[in-house]
Amino acid sequence: MARDKLGDTIEAQNRMGIHTRYQDLSHDLQIVFYSPEGLSIQMTDNVEYRQQILEKDKVLATTVVRRRYLVVLTPSEVRWQVRILQAGLD
């Protein structure tokens, strides 16, 4: 459902010639919990990024966004897998 809605929104913006640009500015990643068995890591990430709305090549709006994320990772065979990525924590 959410994926379909996102796809529909992107398609509608493409038809109108509008797109969004995101520019990563900073991260402050902190480990909050690491399980003794090594089966999970919980982290927070304070992120800052620039979001621009463009029509063709003309910038319509620019906003700097600051957001805090909670991330929970668990190991798989070759890398850590994101199990939870929750935005908007204060």
PDB file of N, CA and C in Angstrom:
ATOM      1  N   MET A   1       0.813  -1.194   0.000  1.00  0.00           N
ATOM      2  CA  MET A   1       0.000   0.000   0.000  1.00  0.00           C
ATOM      3  C   MET A   1       0.858   1.260   0.000  1.00  0.00           C
ATOM      4  N   ALA A   2       1.751   1.390   1.008  1.00  0.00           N
ATOM      5  CA  ALA A   2       2.592   2.588   1.084  1.00  0.00           C
ATOM      6  C   ALA A   2       3.492   2.680  -0.143  1.00  0.00           C
ATOM      7  N   ARG A   3       3.989   1.532  -0.582  1.00  0.00           N
ATOM      8  CA  ARG A   3       4.861   1.518  -1.763  1.00  0.00           C
ATOM      9  C   ARG A   3       4.091   1.956  -3.013  1.00  0.00           C
ATOM     10  N   ASP A   4       2.856   1.495  -3.151  1.00  0.00           N
ATOM     11  CA  ASP A   4       2.021   1.891  -4.287  1.00  0.00           C
ATOM     12  C   ASP A   4       1.726   3.389  -4.253  1.00  0.00           C
ATOM     13  N   LYS A   5       1.419   3.905  -3.060  1.00  0.00           N
ATOM     14  CA  LYS A   5       1.125   5.330  -2.919  1.00  0.00           C
ATOM     15  C   LYS A   5       2.351   6.167  -3.281  1.00  0.00           C
ATOM     16  N   LEU A   6       3.536   5.744  -2.816  1.00  0.00           N
ATOM     17  CA  LEU A   6       4.761   6.453  -3.155  1.00  0.00           C
ATOM     18  C   LEU A   6       4.997   6.424  -4.665  1.00  0.00           C
ATOM     19  N   GLY A   7       4.809   5.255  -5.273  1.00  0.00           N
ATOM     20  CA  GLY A   7       4.972   5.133  -6.725  1.00  0.00           C
ATOM     21  C   GLY A   7       4.022   6.029  -7.490  1.00  0.00           C
ATOM     22  N   ASP A   8       2.766   6.096  -7.044  1.00  0.00           N
ATOM     23  CA  ASP A   8       1.771   6.963  -7.688  1.00  0.00           C
ATOM     24  C   ASP A   8       2.159   8.440  -7.554  1.00  0.00           C
ATOM     25  N   THR A   9       2.666   8.822  -6.386  1.00  0.00           N
ATOM     26  CA  THR A   9       3.078  10.210  -6.161  1.00  0.00           C
ATOM     27  C   THR A   9       4.242  10.577  -7.074  1.00  0.00           C
ATOM     28  N   ILE A  10       5.220   9.691  -7.174  1.00  0.00           N
ATOM     29  CA  ILE A  10       6.376   9.940  -8.047  1.00  0.00           C
ATOM     30  C   ILE A  10       5.931  10.050  -9.499  1.00  0.00           C
ATOM     31  N   GLU A  11       5.053   9.172  -9.911  1.00  0.00           N
ATOM     32  CA  GLU A  11       4.547   9.204 -11.290  1.00  0.00           C
ATOM     33  C   GLU A  11       3.811  10.513 -11.579  1.00  0.00           C
ATOM     34  N   ALA A  12       2.989  10.964 -10.641  1.00  0.00           N
ATOM     35  CA  ALA A  12       2.244  12.216 -10.819  1.00  0.00           C
ATOM     36  C   ALA A  12       3.201  13.411 -10.900  1.00  0.00           C
ATOM     37  N   GLN A  13       4.223  13.422 -10.056  1.00  0.00           N
ATOM     38  CA  GLN A  13       5.195  14.506 -10.091  1.00  0.00           C
ATOM     39  C   GLN A  13       5.956  14.505 -11.415  1.00  0.00           C
ATOM     40  N   ASN A  14       6.308  13.326 -11.907  1.00  0.00           N
ATOM     41  CA  ASN A  14       7.004  13.236 -13.197  1.00  0.00           C
ATOM     42  C   ASN A  14       6.152  13.809 -14.327  1.00  0.00           C
ATOM     43  N   ARG A  15       4.855  13.517 -14.305  1.00  0.00           N
ATOM     44  CA  ARG A  15       3.958  14.054 -15.338  1.00  0.00           C
ATOM     45  C   ARG A  15       3.908  15.579 -15.295  1.00  0.00           C
ATOM     46  N   MET A  16       4.017  16.149 -14.091  1.00  0.00           N
ATOM     47  CA  MET A  16       3.963  17.606 -13.934  1.00  0.00           C
ATOM     48  C   MET A  16       5.338  18.258 -14.095  1.00  0.00           C
ATOM     49  N   GLY A  17       6.385  17.438 -14.234  1.00  0.00           N
ATOM     50  CA  GLY A  17       7.734  17.984 -14.371  1.00  0.00           C
ATOM     51  C   GLY A  17       8.337  18.429 -13.054  1.00  0.00           C
ATOM     52  N   ILE A  18       7.813  17.922 -11.951  1.00  0.00           N
ATOM     53  CA  ILE A  18       8.291  18.292 -10.619  1.00  0.00           C
ATOM     54  C   ILE A  18       9.073  17.117 -10.028  1.00  0.00           C
ATOM     55  N   HIS A  19      10.182  17.439  -9.355  1.00  0.00           N
ATOM     56  CA  HIS A  19      10.893  16.393  -8.628  1.00  0.00           C
ATOM     57  C   HIS A  19      11.505  16.980  -7.357  1.00  0.00           C
ATOM     58  N   THR A  20      11.912  16.095  -6.462  1.00  0.00           N
ATOM     59  CA  THR A  20      12.474  16.485  -5.179  1.00  0.00           C
ATOM     60  C   THR A  20      13.928  16.048  -5.123  1.00  0.00           C
ATOM     61  N   ARG A  21      14.771  16.939  -4.664  1.00  0.00           N
ATOM     62  CA  ARG A  21      16.199  16.639  -4.506  1.00  0.00           C
ATOM     63  C   ARG A  21      16.529  16.672  -3.012  1.00  0.00           C
ATOM     64  N   TYR A  22      17.263  15.663  -2.555  1.00  0.00           N
ATOM     65  CA  TYR A  22      17.700  15.593  -1.171  1.00  0.00           C
ATOM     66  C   TYR A  22      19.222  15.668  -1.136  1.00  0.00           C
ATOM     67  N   GLN A  23      19.761  16.538  -0.284  1.00  0.00           N
ATOM     68  CA  GLN A  23      21.204  16.658  -0.134  1.00  0.00           C
ATOM     69  C   GLN A  23      21.561  16.429   1.326  1.00  0.00           C
ATOM     70  N   ASP A  24      22.330  15.379   1.562  1.00  0.00           N
ATOM     71  CA  ASP A  24      22.753  15.005   2.898  1.00  0.00           C
ATOM     72  C   ASP A  24      23.719  16.049   3.436  1.00  0.00           C
ATOM     73  N   LEU A  25      23.454  16.573   4.641  1.00  0.00           N
ATOM     74  CA  LEU A  25      24.327  17.582   5.237  1.00  0.00           C
ATOM     75  C   LEU A  25      25.126  17.030   6.410  1.00  0.00           C
ATOM     76  N   SER A  26      24.481  16.263   7.306  1.00  0.00           N
ATOM     77  CA  SER A  26      25.221  15.727   8.450  1.00  0.00           C
ATOM     78  C   SER A  26      24.470  14.576   9.111  1.00  0.00           C
ATOM     79  N   HIS A  27      25.239  13.764   9.850  1.00  0.00           N
ATOM     80  CA  HIS A  27      24.717  12.668  10.663  1.00  0.00           C
ATOM     81  C   HIS A  27      25.433  12.688  12.001  1.00  0.00           C
ATOM     82  N   ASP A  28      24.730  12.342  13.054  1.00  0.00           N
ATOM     83  CA  ASP A  28      25.331  12.124  14.373  1.00  0.00           C
ATOM     84  C   ASP A  28      24.802  10.782  14.852  1.00  0.00           C
ATOM     85  N   LEU A  29      25.530   9.732  14.549  1.00  0.00           N
ATOM     86  CA  LEU A  29      25.118   8.355  14.833  1.00  0.00           C
ATOM     87  C   LEU A  29      25.653   7.935  16.191  1.00  0.00           C
ATOM     88  N   GLN A  30      24.769   7.419  17.058  1.00  0.00           N
ATOM     89  CA  GLN A  30      25.173   6.983  18.398  1.00  0.00           C
ATOM     90  C   GLN A  30      24.599   5.606  18.677  1.00  0.00           C
ATOM     91  N   ILE A  31      25.445   4.710  19.181  1.00  0.00           N
ATOM     92  CA  ILE A  31      24.986   3.382  19.588  1.00  0.00           C
ATOM     93  C   ILE A  31      24.348   3.511  20.961  1.00  0.00           C
ATOM     94  N   VAL A  32      23.097   3.062  21.074  1.00  0.00           N
ATOM     95  CA  VAL A  32      22.339   3.137  22.315  1.00  0.00           C
ATOM     96  C   VAL A  32      22.408   1.804  23.050  1.00  0.00           C
ATOM     97  N   PHE A  33      22.367   0.697  22.287  1.00  0.00           N
ATOM     98  CA  PHE A  33      22.368  -0.639  22.891  1.00  0.00           C
ATOM     99  C   PHE A  33      23.032  -1.617  21.938  1.00  0.00           C
ATOM    100  N   TYR A  34      23.896  -2.464  22.480  1.00  0.00           N
ATOM    101  CA  TYR A  34      24.494  -3.569  21.738  1.00  0.00           C
ATOM    102  C   TYR A  34      24.290  -4.806  22.588  1.00  0.00           C
ATOM    103  N   SER A  35      23.556  -5.799  22.073  1.00  0.00           N
ATOM    104  CA  SER A  35      23.236  -6.973  22.889  1.00  0.00           C
ATOM    105  C   SER A  35      24.499  -7.771  23.203  1.00  0.00           C
ATOM    106  N   PRO A  36      24.585  -8.325  24.396  1.00  0.00           N
ATOM    107  CA  PRO A  36      25.774  -9.094  24.793  1.00  0.00           C
ATOM    108  C   PRO A  36      26.072 -10.261  23.840  1.00  0.00           C
ATOM    109  N   GLU A  37      25.042 -10.835  23.242  1.00  0.00           N
ATOM    110  CA  GLU A  37      25.233 -11.956  22.316  1.00  0.00           C
ATOM    111  C   GLU A  37      25.587 -11.476  20.908  1.00  0.00           C
ATOM    112  N   GLY A  38      25.558 -10.174  20.668  1.00  0.00           N
ATOM    113  CA  GLY A  38      25.851  -9.634  19.351  1.00  0.00           C
ATOM    114  C   GLY A  38      24.729  -9.843  18.357  1.00  0.00           C
ATOM    115  N   LEU A  39      23.486  -9.988  18.847  1.00  0.00           N
ATOM    116  CA  LEU A  39      22.353 -10.273  17.971  1.00  0.00           C
ATOM    117  C   LEU A  39      21.570  -9.034  17.552  1.00  0.00           C
ATOM    118  N   SER A  40      21.889  -7.897  18.156  1.00  0.00           N
ATOM    119  CA  SER A  40      21.214  -6.671  17.722  1.00  0.00           C
ATOM    120  C   SER A  40      21.981  -5.447  18.203  1.00  0.00           C
ATOM    121  N   ILE A  41      21.820  -4.381  17.442  1.00  0.00           N
ATOM    122  CA  ILE A  41      22.360  -3.066  17.788  1.00  0.00           C
ATOM    123  C   ILE A  41      21.218  -2.067  17.635  1.00  0.00           C
ATOM    124  N   GLN A  42      21.065  -1.205  18.613  1.00  0.00           N
ATOM    125  CA  GLN A  42      20.100  -0.113  18.518  1.00  0.00           C
ATOM    126  C   GLN A  42      20.888   1.189  18.474  1.00  0.00           C
ATOM    127  N   MET A  43      20.568   2.040  17.501  1.00  0.00           N
ATOM    128  CA  MET A  43      21.263   3.312  17.340  1.00  0.00           C
ATOM    129  C   MET A  43      20.259   4.435  17.138  1.00  0.00           C
ATOM    130  N   THR A  44      20.714   5.647  17.410  1.00  0.00           N
ATOM    131  CA  THR A  44      19.966   6.833  17.014  1.00  0.00           C
ATOM    132  C   THR A  44      20.846   7.605  16.040  1.00  0.00           C
ATOM    133  N   ASP A  45      20.206   8.318  15.136  1.00  0.00           N
ATOM    134  CA  ASP A  45      20.922   9.130  14.153  1.00  0.00           C
ATOM    135  C   ASP A  45      20.214  10.473  14.045  1.00  0.00           C
ATOM    136  N   ASN A  46      20.920  11.525  14.412  1.00  0.00           N
ATOM    137  CA  ASN A  46      20.412  12.885  14.219  1.00  0.00           C
ATOM    138  C   ASN A  46      20.897  13.340  12.854  1.00  0.00           C
ATOM    139  N   VAL A  47      19.959  13.532  11.945  1.00  0.00           N
ATOM    140  CA  VAL A  47      20.256  13.791  10.540  1.00  0.00           C
ATOM    141  C   VAL A  47      19.846  15.217  10.175  1.00  0.00           C
ATOM    142  N   GLU A  48      20.637  15.817   9.308  1.00  0.00           N
ATOM    143  CA  GLU A  48      20.274  17.106   8.743  1.00  0.00           C
ATOM    144  C   GLU A  48      20.441  16.988   7.227  1.00  0.00           C
ATOM    145  N   TYR A  49      19.399  17.373   6.486  1.00  0.00           N
ATOM    146  CA  TYR A  49      19.484  17.327   5.029  1.00  0.00           C
ATOM    147  C   TYR A  49      18.698  18.477   4.415  1.00  0.00           C
ATOM    148  N   ARG A  50      19.082  18.822   3.181  1.00  0.00           N
ATOM    149  CA  ARG A  50      18.403  19.880   2.429  1.00  0.00           C
ATOM    150  C   ARG A  50      17.434  19.212   1.461  1.00  0.00           C
ATOM    151  N   GLN A  51      16.211  19.693   1.451  1.00  0.00           N
ATOM    152  CA  GLN A  51      15.186  19.186   0.542  1.00  0.00           C
ATOM    153  C   GLN A  51      14.779  20.320  -0.396  1.00  0.00           C
ATOM    154  N   GLN A  52      14.871  20.052  -1.702  1.00  0.00           N
ATOM    155  CA  GLN A  52      14.493  21.051  -2.694  1.00  0.00           C
ATOM    156  C   GLN A  52      13.402  20.496  -3.598  1.00  0.00           C
ATOM    157  N   ILE A  53      12.409  21.324  -3.867  1.00  0.00           N
ATOM    158  CA  ILE A  53      11.358  21.000  -4.822  1.00  0.00           C
ATOM    159  C   ILE A  53      11.691  21.750  -6.105  1.00  0.00           C
ATOM    160  N   LEU A  54      11.783  21.012  -7.220  1.00  0.00           N
ATOM    161  CA  LEU A  54      12.160  21.614  -8.496  1.00  0.00           C
ATOM    162  C   LEU A  54      11.096  21.353  -9.549  1.00  0.00           C
ATOM    163  N   GLU A  55      10.927  22.351 -10.414  1.00  0.00           N
ATOM    164  CA  GLU A  55      10.098  22.199 -11.615  1.00  0.00           C
ATOM    165  C   GLU A  55      11.040  22.408 -12.789  1.00  0.00           C
ATOM    166  N   LYS A  56      11.242  21.332 -13.542  1.00  0.00           N
ATOM    167  CA  LYS A  56      12.303  21.307 -14.558  1.00  0.00           C
ATOM    168  C   LYS A  56      13.620  21.553 -13.827  1.00  0.00           C
ATOM    169  N   ASP A  57      14.331  22.647 -14.108  1.00  0.00           N
ATOM    170  CA  ASP A  57      15.578  22.960 -13.406  1.00  0.00           C
ATOM    171  C   ASP A  57      15.439  24.131 -12.438  1.00  0.00           C
ATOM    172  N   LYS A  58      14.214  24.631 -12.269  1.00  0.00           N
ATOM    173  CA  LYS A  58      13.982  25.790 -11.412  1.00  0.00           C
ATOM    174  C   LYS A  58      13.619  25.342  -9.996  1.00  0.00           C
ATOM    175  N   VAL A  59      14.362  25.862  -9.005  1.00  0.00           N
ATOM    176  CA  VAL A  59      14.096  25.542  -7.601  1.00  0.00           C
ATOM    177  C   VAL A  59      12.870  26.334  -7.138  1.00  0.00           C
ATOM    178  N   LEU A  60      11.834  25.609  -6.687  1.00  0.00           N
ATOM    179  CA  LEU A  60      10.610  26.249  -6.193  1.00  0.00           C
ATOM    180  C   LEU A  60      10.659  26.496  -4.695  1.00  0.00           C
ATOM    181  N   ALA A  61      11.296  25.571  -3.965  1.00  0.00           N
ATOM    182  CA  ALA A  61      11.370  25.697  -2.508  1.00  0.00           C
ATOM    183  C   ALA A  61      12.567  24.918  -1.992  1.00  0.00           C
ATOM    184  N   THR A  62      13.176  25.447  -0.937  1.00  0.00           N
ATOM    185  CA  THR A  62      14.289  24.776  -0.269  1.00  0.00           C
ATOM    186  C   THR A  62      14.025  24.781   1.225  1.00  0.00           C
ATOM    187  N   THR A  63      14.205  23.627   1.855  1.00  0.00           N
ATOM    188  CA  THR A  63      14.013  23.478   3.290  1.00  0.00           C
ATOM    189  C   THR A  63      15.150  22.660   3.858  1.00  0.00           C
ATOM    190  N   VAL A  64      15.669  23.075   5.015  1.00  0.00           N
ATOM    191  CA  VAL A  64      16.633  22.256   5.739  1.00  0.00           C
ATOM    192  C   VAL A  64      15.848  21.480   6.789  1.00  0.00           C
ATOM    193  N   VAL A  65      15.990  20.163   6.761  1.00  0.00           N
ATOM    194  CA  VAL A  65      15.233  19.280   7.636  1.00  0.00           C
ATOM    195  C   VAL A  65      16.179  18.663   8.661  1.00  0.00           C
ATOM    196  N   ARG A  66      15.761  18.676   9.914  1.00  0.00           N
ATOM    197  CA  ARG A  66      16.491  17.996  10.982  1.00  0.00           C
ATOM    198  C   ARG A  66      15.568  16.935  11.547  1.00  0.00           C
ATOM    199  N   ARG A  67      16.060  15.715  11.591  1.00  0.00           N
ATOM    200  CA  ARG A  67      15.212  14.614  12.034  1.00  0.00           C
ATOM    201  C   ARG A  67      16.052  13.622  12.824  1.00  0.00           C
ATOM    202  N   ARG A  68      15.432  12.978  13.771  1.00  0.00           N
ATOM    203  CA  ARG A  68      16.093  11.947  14.574  1.00  0.00           C
ATOM    204  C   ARG A  68      15.481  10.596  14.217  1.00  0.00           C
ATOM    205  N   TYR A  69      16.331   9.609  13.987  1.00  0.00           N
ATOM    206  CA  TYR A  69      15.890   8.265  13.622  1.00  0.00           C
ATOM    207  C   TYR A  69      16.330   7.256  14.667  1.00  0.00           C
ATOM    208  N   LEU A  70      15.510   6.252  14.858  1.00  0.00           N
ATOM    209  CA  LEU A  70      15.861   5.079  15.650  1.00  0.00           C
ATOM    210  C   LEU A  70      16.099   3.949  14.658  1.00  0.00           C
ATOM    211  N   VAL A  71      17.214   3.246  14.818  1.00  0.00           N
ATOM    212  CA  VAL A  71      17.569   2.155  13.915  1.00  0.00           C
ATOM    213  C   VAL A  71      17.897   0.925  14.753  1.00  0.00           C
ATOM    214  N   VAL A  72      17.333  -0.217  14.371  1.00  0.00           N
ATOM    215  CA  VAL A  72      17.684  -1.496  14.992  1.00  0.00           C
ATOM    216  C   VAL A  72      18.216  -2.409  13.895  1.00  0.00           C
ATOM    217  N   LEU A  73      19.409  -2.939  14.119  1.00  0.00           N
ATOM    218  CA  LEU A  73      20.071  -3.824  13.164  1.00  0.00           C
ATOM    219  C   LEU A  73      20.272  -5.201  13.777  1.00  0.00           C
ATOM    220  N   THR A  74      20.165  -6.230  12.939  1.00  0.00           N
ATOM    221  CA  THR A  74      20.502  -7.590  13.352  1.00  0.00           C
ATOM    222  C   THR A  74      21.430  -8.189  12.292  1.00  0.00           C
ATOM    223  N   PRO A  75      22.311  -9.104  12.698  1.00  0.00           N
ATOM    224  CA  PRO A  75      23.247  -9.667  11.725  1.00  0.00           C
ATOM    225  C   PRO A  75      22.574 -10.690  10.817  1.00  0.00           C
ATOM    226  N   SER A  76      23.064 -10.760   9.569  1.00  0.00           N
ATOM    227  CA  SER A  76      22.673 -11.825   8.653  1.00  0.00           C
ATOM    228  C   SER A  76      23.960 -12.547   8.270  1.00  0.00           C
ATOM    229  N   GLU A  77      23.923 -13.324   7.224  1.00  0.00           N
ATOM    230  CA  GLU A  77      25.109 -14.106   6.852  1.00  0.00           C
ATOM    231  C   GLU A  77      26.301 -13.229   6.493  1.00  0.00           C
ATOM    232  N   VAL A  78      26.086 -12.126   5.786  1.00  0.00           N
ATOM    233  CA  VAL A  78      27.216 -11.333   5.307  1.00  0.00           C
ATOM    234  C   VAL A  78      27.214  -9.872   5.761  1.00  0.00           C
ATOM    235  N   ARG A  79      26.116  -9.371   6.335  1.00  0.00           N
ATOM    236  CA  ARG A  79      26.060  -7.966   6.754  1.00  0.00           C
ATOM    237  C   ARG A  79      24.946  -7.768   7.763  1.00  0.00           C
ATOM    238  N   TRP A  80      24.906  -6.575   8.304  1.00  0.00           N
ATOM    239  CA  TRP A  80      23.826  -6.203   9.213  1.00  0.00           C
ATOM    240  C   TRP A  80      22.588  -5.855   8.402  1.00  0.00           C
ATOM    241  N   GLN A  81      21.419  -6.265   8.890  1.00  0.00           N
ATOM    242  CA  GLN A  81      20.145  -5.963   8.239  1.00  0.00           C
ATOM    243  C   GLN A  81      19.373  -4.949   9.086  1.00  0.00           C
ATOM    244  N   VAL A  82      18.778  -3.977   8.427  1.00  0.00           N
ATOM    245  CA  VAL A  82      17.939  -2.995   9.120  1.00  0.00           C
ATOM    246  C   VAL A  82      16.604  -3.656   9.417  1.00  0.00           C
ATOM    247  N   ARG A  83      16.256  -3.726  10.670  1.00  0.00           N
ATOM    248  CA  ARG A  83      14.971  -4.325  11.080  1.00  0.00           C
ATOM    249  C   ARG A  83      13.949  -3.258  11.414  1.00  0.00           C
ATOM    250  N   ILE A  84      14.400  -2.159  11.973  1.00  0.00           N
ATOM    251  CA  ILE A  84      13.502  -1.044  12.302  1.00  0.00           C
ATOM    252  C   ILE A  84      14.203   0.243  11.900  1.00  0.00           C
ATOM    253  N   LEU A  85      13.491   1.102  11.190  1.00  0.00           N
ATOM    254  CA  LEU A  85      13.956   2.453  10.872  1.00  0.00           C
ATOM    255  C   LEU A  85      12.771   3.369  11.119  1.00  0.00           C
ATOM    256  N   GLN A  86      12.801   4.052  12.240  1.00  0.00           N
ATOM    257  CA  GLN A  86      11.665   4.869  12.644  1.00  0.00           C
ATOM    258  C   GLN A  86      12.096   6.328  12.718  1.00  0.00           C
ATOM    259  N   ALA A  87      11.390   7.191  12.033  1.00  0.00           N
ATOM    260  CA  ALA A  87      11.717   8.615  11.983  1.00  0.00           C
ATOM    261  C   ALA A  87      10.889   9.408  12.970  1.00  0.00           C
ATOM    262  N   GLY A  88      11.367  10.605  13.241  1.00  0.00           N
ATOM    263  CA  GLY A  88      10.581  11.566  13.996  1.00  0.00           C
ATOM    264  C   GLY A  88      10.672  11.446  15.491  1.00  0.00           C
ATOM    265  N   LEU A  89      11.723  10.838  15.996  1.00  0.00           N
ATOM    266  CA  LEU A  89      11.880  10.743  17.442  1.00  0.00           C
ATOM    267  C   LEU A  89      12.382  12.068  17.984  1.00  0.00           C
ATOM    268  N   ASP A  90      11.901  12.449  19.144  1.00  0.00           N
ATOM    269  CA  ASP A  90      12.381  13.685  19.803  1.00  0.00           C
ATOM    270  C   ASP A  90      12.864  13.391  21.179  1.00  0.00           C
TER     271      ASP A  90
END
